Structure formats: C-alpha cells, structure tokens
Amino acid sequence: SLTSLSMLPGRRVAILGDMKELGPTSPELHRQVGALVGQLGLELLLTAGPEANAIAQGCREGGFPTAVHAFPTKAELLEQLPALIRKDDTVLVKASHSMGFDEVVSALGTLK
C-alpha cells in the first residue's frame, strides 16, 4: 500500500499506527516500515501508538526528507490532524484494527 501511495500525485501522507501481533521482531519490522516510507519519498509521515514510534524512528534514521510527527496516542494525533493535513493531500491510513483508526478516517472526512 505504501508503494501504491508513492505512485500517486500530490503530497503523499502516510498515517500509520501499531502493527500488532508481530512477536519479538516487532520493533525491527516497525523500523523497516518507517525506512520504506522515507525511501519511497513520501512527504509526510504521522504515527500514533507506542509501537508505531519505531516507524517514525526508522524514517528519521534514514535521513530522508520526509516530515515526521510521532504521537504517543491516537487522541493526540486526532487533535493535531487539522493542522497537519491539507485539502488536496493523498492520505493512506493503516494500523491494526485494534488501534481503532476508523476514527482517524472519520476525522479526515470532516476536514475542509
């Protein structure tokens, strides 16, 4: 899905949360996803959740020009969303279902 996003026009934004049930390799897998976001040249990465912080870390460690904002909780992400998302952004939202990111999708739908 990140590769598909990278092929779309406009400012590309990934909003990513914790990927659950990955076992002991979870931190490294989250970091690899972050590195991929940067390698693909996405303009903005927003993460929420304790495990998703490793996604932000992976993107930052790669030295990519992607702007990164990591939020400890989904509530904090939702609070900042209006200031970070622009009208014509192309946005991908992805997290484990238990993260409840359907709220993020709903919030995106209310932005003007």
PDB file of N, CA and C in Angstrom:
ATOM      1  N   SER A   1       0.820  -1.197   0.000  1.00  0.00           N
ATOM      2  CA  SER A   1       0.000   0.000   0.000  1.00  0.00           C
ATOM      3  C   SER A   1       0.866   1.264   0.000  1.00  0.00           C
ATOM      4  N   LEU A   2       2.018   1.218   0.679  1.00  0.00           N
ATOM      5  CA  LEU A   2       2.915   2.378   0.668  1.00  0.00           C
ATOM      6  C   LEU A   2       3.497   2.620  -0.719  1.00  0.00           C
ATOM      7  N   THR A   3       3.848   1.547  -1.407  1.00  0.00           N
ATOM      8  CA  THR A   3       4.371   1.691  -2.763  1.00  0.00           C
ATOM      9  C   THR A   3       3.304   2.280  -3.677  1.00  0.00           C
ATOM     10  N   SER A   4       2.080   1.826  -3.550  1.00  0.00           N
ATOM     11  CA  SER A   4       0.977   2.378  -4.359  1.00  0.00           C
ATOM     12  C   SER A   4       0.795   3.856  -4.058  1.00  0.00           C
ATOM     13  N   LEU A   5       0.832   4.231  -2.779  1.00  0.00           N
ATOM     14  CA  LEU A   5       0.712   5.635  -2.399  1.00  0.00           C
ATOM     15  C   LEU A   5       1.815   6.462  -3.049  1.00  0.00           C
ATOM     16  N   SER A   6       3.014   5.934  -3.094  1.00  0.00           N
ATOM     17  CA  SER A   6       4.148   6.690  -3.632  1.00  0.00           C
ATOM     18  C   SER A   6       3.996   7.006  -5.112  1.00  0.00           C
ATOM     19  N   MET A   7       3.139   6.280  -5.804  1.00  0.00           N
ATOM     20  CA  MET A   7       2.937   6.495  -7.240  1.00  0.00           C
ATOM     21  C   MET A   7       1.827   7.494  -7.547  1.00  0.00           C
ATOM     22  N   LEU A   8       1.149   7.953  -6.525  1.00  0.00           N
ATOM     23  CA  LEU A   8       0.026   8.869  -6.723  1.00  0.00           C
ATOM     24  C   LEU A   8       0.506  10.316  -6.722  1.00  0.00           C
ATOM     25  N   PRO A   9      -0.258  11.197  -7.372  1.00  0.00           N
ATOM     26  CA  PRO A   9       0.142  12.609  -7.437  1.00  0.00           C
ATOM     27  C   PRO A   9      -0.148  13.341  -6.131  1.00  0.00           C
ATOM     28  N   GLY A  10       0.425  14.514  -6.017  1.00  0.00           N
ATOM     29  CA  GLY A  10       0.164  15.376  -4.871  1.00  0.00           C
ATOM     30  C   GLY A  10       1.052  15.058  -3.685  1.00  0.00           C
ATOM     31  N   ARG A  11       0.778  15.741  -2.598  1.00  0.00           N
ATOM     32  CA  ARG A  11       1.522  15.494  -1.364  1.00  0.00           C
ATOM     33  C   ARG A  11       0.996  14.194  -0.752  1.00  0.00           C
ATOM     34  N   ARG A  12       1.899  13.258  -0.586  1.00  0.00           N
ATOM     35  CA  ARG A  12       1.518  11.917  -0.116  1.00  0.00           C
ATOM     36  C   ARG A  12       1.801  11.787   1.362  1.00  0.00           C
ATOM     37  N   VAL A  13       0.757  11.384   2.104  1.00  0.00           N
ATOM     38  CA  VAL A  13       0.809  11.322   3.562  1.00  0.00           C
ATOM     39  C   VAL A  13       0.474   9.904   4.013  1.00  0.00           C
ATOM     40  N   ALA A  14       1.313   9.347   4.869  1.00  0.00           N
ATOM     41  CA  ALA A  14       1.029   8.052   5.487  1.00  0.00           C
ATOM     42  C   ALA A  14       0.726   8.287   6.961  1.00  0.00           C
ATOM     43  N   ILE A  15      -0.430   7.806   7.397  1.00  0.00           N
ATOM     44  CA  ILE A  15      -0.804   7.850   8.806  1.00  0.00           C
ATOM     45  C   ILE A  15      -0.813   6.404   9.282  1.00  0.00           C
ATOM     46  N   LEU A  16       0.166   6.059  10.106  1.00  0.00           N
ATOM     47  CA  LEU A  16       0.383   4.662  10.475  1.00  0.00           C
ATOM     48  C   LEU A  16       0.345   4.478  11.983  1.00  0.00           C
ATOM     49  N   GLY A  17      -0.239   3.359  12.387  1.00  0.00           N
ATOM     50  CA  GLY A  17      -0.304   3.016  13.801  1.00  0.00           C
ATOM     51  C   GLY A  17       0.352   1.683  14.064  1.00  0.00           C
ATOM     52  N   ASP A  18       0.224   1.243  15.293  1.00  0.00           N
ATOM     53  CA  ASP A  18       0.831  -0.018  15.706  1.00  0.00           C
ATOM     54  C   ASP A  18       0.369  -1.186  14.844  1.00  0.00           C
ATOM     55  N   MET A  19       1.330  -2.042  14.514  1.00  0.00           N
ATOM     56  CA  MET A  19       1.036  -3.331  13.865  1.00  0.00           C
ATOM     57  C   MET A  19       1.148  -4.367  14.969  1.00  0.00           C
ATOM     58  N   LYS A  20       0.044  -4.947  15.348  1.00  0.00           N
ATOM     59  CA  LYS A  20       0.007  -5.862  16.491  1.00  0.00           C
ATOM     60  C   LYS A  20       0.381  -7.285  16.090  1.00  0.00           C
ATOM     61  N   GLU A  21       0.713  -8.051  17.103  1.00  0.00           N
ATOM     62  CA  GLU A  21       0.939  -9.494  16.986  1.00  0.00           C
ATOM     63  C   GLU A  21       2.075  -9.873  16.041  1.00  0.00           C
ATOM     64  N   LEU A  22       3.145  -9.101  16.064  1.00  0.00           N
ATOM     65  CA  LEU A  22       4.314  -9.408  15.236  1.00  0.00           C
ATOM     66  C   LEU A  22       5.387 -10.177  15.999  1.00  0.00           C
ATOM     67  N   GLY A  23       5.190 -10.325  17.291  1.00  0.00           N
ATOM     68  CA  GLY A  23       6.147 -11.088  18.076  1.00  0.00           C
ATOM     69  C   GLY A  23       7.404 -10.310  18.391  1.00  0.00           C
ATOM     70  N   PRO A  24       8.494 -11.047  18.688  1.00  0.00           N
ATOM     71  CA  PRO A  24       9.728 -10.395  19.152  1.00  0.00           C
ATOM     72  C   PRO A  24      10.417  -9.526  18.090  1.00  0.00           C
ATOM     73  N   THR A  25      10.075  -9.701  16.835  1.00  0.00           N
ATOM     74  CA  THR A  25      10.694  -8.882  15.785  1.00  0.00           C
ATOM     75  C   THR A  25       9.912  -7.591  15.535  1.00  0.00           C
ATOM     76  N   SER A  26       8.889  -7.341  16.330  1.00  0.00           N
ATOM     77  CA  SER A  26       8.026  -6.177  16.123  1.00  0.00           C
ATOM     78  C   SER A  26       8.782  -4.855  16.016  1.00  0.00           C
ATOM     79  N   PRO A  27       9.684  -4.517  16.936  1.00  0.00           N
ATOM     80  CA  PRO A  27      10.377  -3.225  16.817  1.00  0.00           C
ATOM     81  C   PRO A  27      11.132  -3.072  15.498  1.00  0.00           C
ATOM     82  N   GLU A  28      11.822  -4.119  15.077  1.00  0.00           N
ATOM     83  CA  GLU A  28      12.581  -4.040  13.821  1.00  0.00           C
ATOM     84  C   GLU A  28      11.651  -3.937  12.614  1.00  0.00           C
ATOM     85  N   LEU A  29      10.559  -4.666  12.614  1.00  0.00           N
ATOM     86  CA  LEU A  29       9.614  -4.593  11.499  1.00  0.00           C
ATOM     87  C   LEU A  29       8.982  -3.209  11.407  1.00  0.00           C
ATOM     88  N   HIS A  30       8.669  -2.623  12.541  1.00  0.00           N
ATOM     89  CA  HIS A  30       8.134  -1.260  12.537  1.00  0.00           C
ATOM     90  C   HIS A  30       9.174  -0.285  11.976  1.00  0.00           C
ATOM     91  N   ARG A  31      10.436  -0.416  12.391  1.00  0.00           N
ATOM     92  CA  ARG A  31      11.505   0.459  11.869  1.00  0.00           C
ATOM     93  C   ARG A  31      11.659   0.302  10.359  1.00  0.00           C
ATOM     94  N   GLN A  32      11.557  -0.925   9.867  1.00  0.00           N
ATOM     95  CA  GLN A  32      11.676  -1.165   8.424  1.00  0.00           C
ATOM     96  C   GLN A  32      10.570  -0.472   7.648  1.00  0.00           C
ATOM     97  N   VAL A  33       9.366  -0.458   8.196  1.00  0.00           N
ATOM     98  CA  VAL A  33       8.260   0.251   7.538  1.00  0.00           C
ATOM     99  C   VAL A  33       8.581   1.738   7.465  1.00  0.00           C
ATOM    100  N   GLY A  34       9.106   2.292   8.534  1.00  0.00           N
ATOM    101  CA  GLY A  34       9.482   3.709   8.526  1.00  0.00           C
ATOM    102  C   GLY A  34      10.559   4.021   7.503  1.00  0.00           C
ATOM    103  N   ALA A  35      11.542   3.150   7.401  1.00  0.00           N
ATOM    104  CA  ALA A  35      12.589   3.341   6.401  1.00  0.00           C
ATOM    105  C   ALA A  35      12.001   3.314   4.996  1.00  0.00           C
ATOM    106  N   LEU A  36      11.048   2.430   4.772  1.00  0.00           N
ATOM    107  CA  LEU A  36      10.404   2.345   3.459  1.00  0.00           C
ATOM    108  C   LEU A  36       9.654   3.633   3.127  1.00  0.00           C
ATOM    109  N   VAL A  37       8.970   4.203   4.108  1.00  0.00           N
ATOM    110  CA  VAL A  37       8.266   5.473   3.885  1.00  0.00           C
ATOM    111  C   VAL A  37       9.241   6.516   3.356  1.00  0.00           C
ATOM    112  N   GLY A  38      10.397   6.613   3.976  1.00  0.00           N
ATOM    113  CA  GLY A  38      11.397   7.578   3.525  1.00  0.00           C
ATOM    114  C   GLY A  38      11.967   7.244   2.168  1.00  0.00           C
ATOM    115  N   GLN A  39      12.279   5.974   1.944  1.00  0.00           N
ATOM    116  CA  GLN A  39      12.841   5.545   0.659  1.00  0.00           C
ATOM    117  C   GLN A  39      11.889   5.826  -0.494  1.00  0.00           C
ATOM    118  N   LEU A  40      10.603   5.727  -0.231  1.00  0.00           N
ATOM    119  CA  LEU A  40       9.604   5.960  -1.279  1.00  0.00           C
ATOM    120  C   LEU A  40       9.370   7.444  -1.548  1.00  0.00           C
ATOM    121  N   GLY A  41       9.924   8.297  -0.716  1.00  0.00           N
ATOM    122  CA  GLY A  41       9.821   9.734  -0.948  1.00  0.00           C
ATOM    123  C   GLY A  41       8.489  10.339  -0.537  1.00  0.00           C
ATOM    124  N   LEU A  42       7.773   9.708   0.376  1.00  0.00           N
ATOM    125  CA  LEU A  42       6.526  10.298   0.854  1.00  0.00           C
ATOM    126  C   LEU A  42       6.847  11.589   1.589  1.00  0.00           C
ATOM    127  N   GLU A  43       5.961  12.563   1.478  1.00  0.00           N
ATOM    128  CA  GLU A  43       6.251  13.875   2.032  1.00  0.00           C
ATOM    129  C   GLU A  43       5.991  13.988   3.538  1.00  0.00           C
ATOM    130  N   LEU A  44       5.033  13.214   4.056  1.00  0.00           N
ATOM    131  CA  LEU A  44       4.665  13.351   5.462  1.00  0.00           C
ATOM    132  C   LEU A  44       4.312  11.993   6.051  1.00  0.00           C
ATOM    133  N   LEU A  45       4.849  11.727   7.235  1.00  0.00           N
ATOM    134  CA  LEU A  45       4.541  10.522   7.990  1.00  0.00           C
ATOM    135  C   LEU A  45       4.009  10.928   9.354  1.00  0.00           C
ATOM    136  N   LEU A  46       2.824  10.443   9.694  1.00  0.00           N
ATOM    137  CA  LEU A  46       2.242  10.638  11.011  1.00  0.00           C
ATOM    138  C   LEU A  46       2.078   9.261  11.634  1.00  0.00           C
ATOM    139  N   THR A  47       2.549   9.100  12.868  1.00  0.00           N
ATOM    140  CA  THR A  47       2.379   7.821  13.545  1.00  0.00           C
ATOM    141  C   THR A  47       1.701   8.044  14.886  1.00  0.00           C
ATOM    142  N   ALA A  48       1.005   7.003  15.349  1.00  0.00           N
ATOM    143  CA  ALA A  48       0.363   7.050  16.662  1.00  0.00           C
ATOM    144  C   ALA A  48       0.437   5.671  17.288  1.00  0.00           C
ATOM    145  N   GLY A  49       0.818   5.663  18.559  1.00  0.00           N
ATOM    146  CA  GLY A  49       0.897   4.418  19.300  1.00  0.00           C
ATOM    147  C   GLY A  49       2.312   4.123  19.742  1.00  0.00           C
ATOM    148  N   PRO A  50       2.450   3.370  20.816  1.00  0.00           N
ATOM    149  CA  PRO A  50       3.778   3.090  21.349  1.00  0.00           C
ATOM    150  C   PRO A  50       4.674   2.292  20.400  1.00  0.00           C
ATOM    151  N   GLU A  51       4.116   1.337  19.690  1.00  0.00           N
ATOM    152  CA  GLU A  51       4.919   0.551  18.748  1.00  0.00           C
ATOM    153  C   GLU A  51       5.214   1.340  17.475  1.00  0.00           C
ATOM    154  N   ALA A  52       4.272   2.188  17.084  1.00  0.00           N
ATOM    155  CA  ALA A  52       4.439   2.976  15.859  1.00  0.00           C
ATOM    156  C   ALA A  52       5.548   4.009  15.982  1.00  0.00           C
ATOM    157  N   ASN A  53       5.958   4.321  17.195  1.00  0.00           N
ATOM    158  CA  ASN A  53       7.082   5.237  17.358  1.00  0.00           C
ATOM    159  C   ASN A  53       8.320   4.707  16.638  1.00  0.00           C
ATOM    160  N   ALA A  54       8.459   3.378  16.578  1.00  0.00           N
ATOM    161  CA  ALA A  54       9.601   2.783  15.854  1.00  0.00           C
ATOM    162  C   ALA A  54       9.486   3.033  14.349  1.00  0.00           C
ATOM    163  N   ILE A  55       8.271   3.205  13.828  1.00  0.00           N
ATOM    164  CA  ILE A  55       8.102   3.562  12.416  1.00  0.00           C
ATOM    165  C   ILE A  55       8.709   4.946  12.183  1.00  0.00           C
ATOM    166  N   ALA A  56       8.336   5.888  13.038  1.00  0.00           N
ATOM    167  CA  ALA A  56       8.882   7.244  12.929  1.00  0.00           C
ATOM    168  C   ALA A  56      10.402   7.223  13.073  1.00  0.00           C
ATOM    169  N   GLN A  57      10.884   6.445  14.019  1.00  0.00           N
ATOM    170  CA  GLN A  57      12.325   6.333  14.244  1.00  0.00           C
ATOM    171  C   GLN A  57      13.030   5.786  13.004  1.00  0.00           C
ATOM    172  N   GLY A  58      12.466   4.767  12.375  1.00  0.00           N
ATOM    173  CA  GLY A  58      13.065   4.185  11.177  1.00  0.00           C
ATOM    174  C   GLY A  58      13.155   5.175  10.037  1.00  0.00           C
ATOM    175  N   CYS A  59      12.148   6.014   9.910  1.00  0.00           N
ATOM    176  CA  CYS A  59      12.164   7.034   8.849  1.00  0.00           C
ATOM    177  C   CYS A  59      13.205   8.103   9.167  1.00  0.00           C
ATOM    178  N   ARG A  60      13.250   8.539  10.398  1.00  0.00           N
ATOM    179  CA  ARG A  60      14.225   9.570  10.785  1.00  0.00           C
ATOM    180  C   ARG A  60      15.657   9.079  10.654  1.00  0.00           C
ATOM    181  N   GLU A  61      15.903   7.834  11.024  1.00  0.00           N
ATOM    182  CA  GLU A  61      17.267   7.279  10.982  1.00  0.00           C
ATOM    183  C   GLU A  61      17.818   7.207   9.572  1.00  0.00           C
ATOM    184  N   GLY A  62      16.936   7.106   8.584  1.00  0.00           N
ATOM    185  CA  GLY A  62      17.385   7.015   7.203  1.00  0.00           C
ATOM    186  C   GLY A  62      17.834   8.347   6.626  1.00  0.00           C
ATOM    187  N   GLY A  63      17.569   9.441   7.347  1.00  0.00           N
ATOM    188  CA  GLY A  63      17.973  10.754   6.870  1.00  0.00           C
ATOM    189  C   GLY A  63      17.177  11.229   5.669  1.00  0.00           C
ATOM    190  N   PHE A  64      15.969  10.728   5.518  1.00  0.00           N
ATOM    191  CA  PHE A  64      15.132  11.097   4.379  1.00  0.00           C
ATOM    192  C   PHE A  64      14.466  12.453   4.626  1.00  0.00           C
ATOM    193  N   PRO A  65      14.055  13.153   3.562  1.00  0.00           N
ATOM    194  CA  PRO A  65      13.439  14.466   3.736  1.00  0.00           C
ATOM    195  C   PRO A  65      11.980  14.410   4.197  1.00  0.00           C
ATOM    196  N   THR A  66      11.456  13.245   4.430  1.00  0.00           N
ATOM    197  CA  THR A  66      10.074  13.108   4.881  1.00  0.00           C
ATOM    198  C   THR A  66       9.878  13.815   6.220  1.00  0.00           C
ATOM    199  N   ALA A  67       8.837  14.634   6.317  1.00  0.00           N
ATOM    200  CA  ALA A  67       8.471  15.249   7.595  1.00  0.00           C
ATOM    201  C   ALA A  67       7.808  14.170   8.447  1.00  0.00           C
ATOM    202  N   VAL A  68       8.222  14.079   9.708  1.00  0.00           N
ATOM    203  CA  VAL A  68       7.737  13.016  10.592  1.00  0.00           C
ATOM    204  C   VAL A  68       7.180  13.617  11.876  1.00  0.00           C
ATOM    205  N   HIS A  69       5.970  13.175  12.242  1.00  0.00           N
ATOM    206  CA  HIS A  69       5.353  13.548  13.515  1.00  0.00           C
ATOM    207  C   HIS A  69       4.888  12.264  14.183  1.00  0.00           C
ATOM    208  N   ALA A  70       5.433  11.981  15.361  1.00  0.00           N
ATOM    209  CA  ALA A  70       5.062  10.778  16.111  1.00  0.00           C
ATOM    210  C   ALA A  70       4.252  11.185  17.338  1.00  0.00           C
ATOM    211  N   PHE A  71       3.096  10.567  17.488  1.00  0.00           N
ATOM    212  CA  PHE A  71       2.218  10.851  18.612  1.00  0.00           C
ATOM    213  C   PHE A  71       2.104   9.620  19.496  1.00  0.00           C
ATOM    214  N   PRO A  72       2.193   9.796  20.799  1.00  0.00           N
ATOM    215  CA  PRO A  72       2.088   8.643  21.700  1.00  0.00           C
ATOM    216  C   PRO A  72       0.718   7.957  21.628  1.00  0.00           C
ATOM    217  N   THR A  73      -0.325   8.744  21.363  1.00  0.00           N
ATOM    218  CA  THR A  73      -1.677   8.184  21.340  1.00  0.00           C
ATOM    219  C   THR A  73      -2.448   8.644  20.106  1.00  0.00           C
ATOM    220  N   LYS A  74      -3.477   7.904  19.788  1.00  0.00           N
ATOM    221  CA  LYS A  74      -4.373   8.274  18.684  1.00  0.00           C
ATOM    222  C   LYS A  74      -5.077   9.592  18.999  1.00  0.00           C
ATOM    223  N   ALA A  75      -5.442   9.805  20.255  1.00  0.00           N
ATOM    224  CA  ALA A  75      -6.121  11.044  20.644  1.00  0.00           C
ATOM    225  C   ALA A  75      -5.265  12.268  20.327  1.00  0.00           C
ATOM    226  N   GLU A  76      -3.968  12.170  20.600  1.00  0.00           N
ATOM    227  CA  GLU A  76      -3.069  13.291  20.303  1.00  0.00           C
ATOM    228  C   GLU A  76      -2.936  13.502  18.804  1.00  0.00           C
ATOM    229  N   LEU A  77      -2.903  12.430  18.032  1.00  0.00           N
ATOM    230  CA  LEU A  77      -2.888  12.538  16.570  1.00  0.00           C
ATOM    231  C   LEU A  77      -4.142  13.246  16.088  1.00  0.00           C
ATOM    232  N   LEU A  78      -5.293  12.813  16.581  1.00  0.00           N
ATOM    233  CA  LEU A  78      -6.563  13.407  16.147  1.00  0.00           C
ATOM    234  C   LEU A  78      -6.618  14.894  16.460  1.00  0.00           C
ATOM    235  N   GLU A  79      -6.057  15.290  17.582  1.00  0.00           N
ATOM    236  CA  GLU A  79      -6.046  16.696  17.970  1.00  0.00           C
ATOM    237  C   GLU A  79      -5.235  17.544  16.994  1.00  0.00           C
ATOM    238  N   GLN A  80      -4.132  17.005  16.486  1.00  0.00           N
ATOM    239  CA  GLN A  80      -3.237  17.755  15.602  1.00  0.00           C
ATOM    240  C   GLN A  80      -3.554  17.601  14.118  1.00  0.00           C
ATOM    241  N   LEU A  81      -4.400  16.658  13.789  1.00  0.00           N
ATOM    242  CA  LEU A  81      -4.693  16.343  12.383  1.00  0.00           C
ATOM    243  C   LEU A  81      -5.093  17.564  11.544  1.00  0.00           C
ATOM    244  N   PRO A  82      -6.002  18.425  12.023  1.00  0.00           N
ATOM    245  CA  PRO A  82      -6.391  19.579  11.188  1.00  0.00           C
ATOM    246  C   PRO A  82      -5.233  20.498  10.817  1.00  0.00           C
ATOM    247  N   ALA A  83      -4.234  20.591  11.665  1.00  0.00           N
ATOM    248  CA  ALA A  83      -3.087  21.464  11.391  1.00  0.00           C
ATOM    249  C   ALA A  83      -2.077  20.821  10.453  1.00  0.00           C
ATOM    250  N   LEU A  84      -2.151  19.502  10.276  1.00  0.00           N
ATOM    251  CA  LEU A  84      -1.135  18.792   9.503  1.00  0.00           C
ATOM    252  C   LEU A  84      -1.589  18.360   8.110  1.00  0.00           C
ATOM    253  N   ILE A  85      -2.879  18.180   7.922  1.00  0.00           N
ATOM    254  CA  ILE A  85      -3.402  17.679   6.649  1.00  0.00           C
ATOM    255  C   ILE A  85      -3.926  18.835   5.812  1.00  0.00           C
ATOM    256  N   ARG A  86      -3.558  18.821   4.544  1.00  0.00           N
ATOM    257  CA  ARG A  86      -4.011  19.845   3.597  1.00  0.00           C
ATOM    258  C   ARG A  86      -5.148  19.297   2.731  1.00  0.00           C
ATOM    259  N   LYS A  87      -5.897  20.185   2.145  1.00  0.00           N
ATOM    260  CA  LYS A  87      -7.085  19.834   1.371  1.00  0.00           C
ATOM    261  C   LYS A  87      -6.810  18.800   0.273  1.00  0.00           C
ATOM    262  N   ASP A  88      -5.757  18.942  -0.466  1.00  0.00           N
ATOM    263  CA  ASP A  88      -5.508  18.074  -1.613  1.00  0.00           C
ATOM    264  C   ASP A  88      -4.516  16.943  -1.337  1.00  0.00           C
ATOM    265  N   ASP A  89      -4.239  16.660  -0.085  1.00  0.00           N
ATOM    266  CA  ASP A  89      -3.323  15.563   0.256  1.00  0.00           C
ATOM    267  C   ASP A  89      -3.907  14.213  -0.161  1.00  0.00           C
ATOM    268  N   THR A  90      -3.031  13.319  -0.539  1.00  0.00           N
ATOM    269  CA  THR A  90      -3.401  11.921  -0.763  1.00  0.00           C
ATOM    270  C   THR A  90      -2.935  11.172   0.477  1.00  0.00           C
ATOM    271  N   VAL A  91      -3.883  10.547   1.184  1.00  0.00           N
ATOM    272  CA  VAL A  91      -3.596  10.007   2.511  1.00  0.00           C
ATOM    273  C   VAL A  91      -3.866   8.510   2.569  1.00  0.00           C
ATOM    274  N   LEU A  92      -2.915   7.784   3.143  1.00  0.00           N
ATOM    275  CA  LEU A  92      -3.066   6.363   3.448  1.00  0.00           C
ATOM    276  C   LEU A  92      -3.152   6.234   4.962  1.00  0.00           C
ATOM    277  N   VAL A  93      -4.160   5.509   5.445  1.00  0.00           N
ATOM    278  CA  VAL A  93      -4.322   5.254   6.874  1.00  0.00           C
ATOM    279  C   VAL A  93      -4.230   3.756   7.080  1.00  0.00           C
ATOM    280  N   LYS A  94      -3.300   3.323   7.955  1.00  0.00           N
ATOM    281  CA  LYS A  94      -3.111   1.884   8.161  1.00  0.00           C
ATOM    282  C   LYS A  94      -2.623   1.621   9.578  1.00  0.00           C
ATOM    283  N   ALA A  95      -3.265   0.667  10.226  1.00  0.00           N
ATOM    284  CA  ALA A  95      -2.872   0.206  11.559  1.00  0.00           C
ATOM    285  C   ALA A  95      -3.640  -1.077  11.834  1.00  0.00           C
ATOM    286  N   SER A  96      -3.240  -1.785  12.855  1.00  0.00           N
ATOM    287  CA  SER A  96      -4.020  -2.947  13.265  1.00  0.00           C
ATOM    288  C   SER A  96      -5.423  -2.489  13.642  1.00  0.00           C
ATOM    289  N   HIS A  97      -6.390  -3.322  13.368  1.00  0.00           N
ATOM    290  CA  HIS A  97      -7.790  -2.976  13.625  1.00  0.00           C
ATOM    291  C   HIS A  97      -8.009  -2.545  15.078  1.00  0.00           C
ATOM    292  N   SER A  98      -7.305  -3.179  15.995  1.00  0.00           N
ATOM    293  CA  SER A  98      -7.479  -2.871  17.415  1.00  0.00           C
ATOM    294  C   SER A  98      -7.066  -1.445  17.770  1.00  0.00           C
ATOM    295  N   MET A  99      -6.354  -0.778  16.887  1.00  0.00           N
ATOM    296  CA  MET A  99      -5.960   0.608  17.127  1.00  0.00           C
ATOM    297  C   MET A  99      -7.128   1.577  16.922  1.00  0.00           C
ATOM    298  N   GLY A 100      -8.184   1.120  16.261  1.00  0.00           N
ATOM    299  CA  GLY A 100      -9.358   1.970  16.073  1.00  0.00           C
ATOM    300  C   GLY A 100      -9.123   3.151  15.151  1.00  0.00           C
ATOM    301  N   PHE A 101      -8.340   2.952  14.116  1.00  0.00           N
ATOM    302  CA  PHE A 101      -8.031   4.051  13.199  1.00  0.00           C
ATOM    303  C   PHE A 101      -9.207   4.430  12.301  1.00  0.00           C
ATOM    304  N   ASP A 102     -10.336   3.745  12.441  1.00  0.00           N
ATOM    305  CA  ASP A 102     -11.527   4.201  11.738  1.00  0.00           C
ATOM    306  C   ASP A 102     -11.889   5.614  12.206  1.00  0.00           C
ATOM    307  N   GLU A 103     -11.520   5.961  13.435  1.00  0.00           N
ATOM    308  CA  GLU A 103     -11.722   7.319  13.936  1.00  0.00           C
ATOM    309  C   GLU A 103     -10.869   8.325  13.170  1.00  0.00           C
ATOM    310  N   VAL A 104      -9.684   7.922  12.781  1.00  0.00           N
ATOM    311  CA  VAL A 104      -8.803   8.799  12.004  1.00  0.00           C
ATOM    312  C   VAL A 104      -9.427   9.037  10.628  1.00  0.00           C
ATOM    313  N   VAL A 105      -9.925   7.982  10.016  1.00  0.00           N
ATOM    314  CA  VAL A 105     -10.571   8.111   8.712  1.00  0.00           C
ATOM    315  C   VAL A 105     -11.780   9.033   8.812  1.00  0.00           C
ATOM    316  N   SER A 106     -12.585   8.859   9.841  1.00  0.00           N
ATOM    317  CA  SER A 106     -13.750   9.736  10.038  1.00  0.00           C
ATOM    318  C   SER A 106     -13.329  11.187  10.223  1.00  0.00           C
ATOM    319  N   ALA A 107     -12.273  11.398  11.012  1.00  0.00           N
ATOM    320  CA  ALA A 107     -11.783  12.762  11.229  1.00  0.00           C
ATOM    321  C   ALA A 107     -11.291  13.391   9.932  1.00  0.00           C
ATOM    322  N   LEU A 108     -10.629  12.608   9.098  1.00  0.00           N
ATOM    323  CA  LEU A 108     -10.162  13.122   7.805  1.00  0.00           C
ATOM    324  C   LEU A 108     -11.339  13.578   6.954  1.00  0.00           C
ATOM    325  N   GLY A 109     -12.437  12.844   7.038  1.00  0.00           N
ATOM    326  CA  GLY A 109     -13.627  13.176   6.260  1.00  0.00           C
ATOM    327  C   GLY A 109     -14.279  14.481   6.669  1.00  0.00           C
ATOM    328  N   THR A 110     -13.984  14.964   7.862  1.00  0.00           N
ATOM    329  CA  THR A 110     -14.597  16.219   8.324  1.00  0.00           C
ATOM    330  C   THR A 110     -13.724  17.438   8.054  1.00  0.00           C
ATOM    331  N   LEU A 111     -12.469  17.219   7.622  1.00  0.00           N
ATOM    332  CA  LEU A 111     -11.578  18.347   7.369  1.00  0.00           C
ATOM    333  C   LEU A 111     -12.000  19.088   6.119  1.00  0.00           C
ATOM    334  N   LYS A 112     -11.770  20.391   6.121  1.00  0.00           N
ATOM    335  CA  LYS A 112     -12.136  21.213   4.964  1.00  0.00           C
ATOM    336  C   LYS A 112     -10.912  21.781   4.322  1.00  0.00           C
TER     337      LYS A 112
END
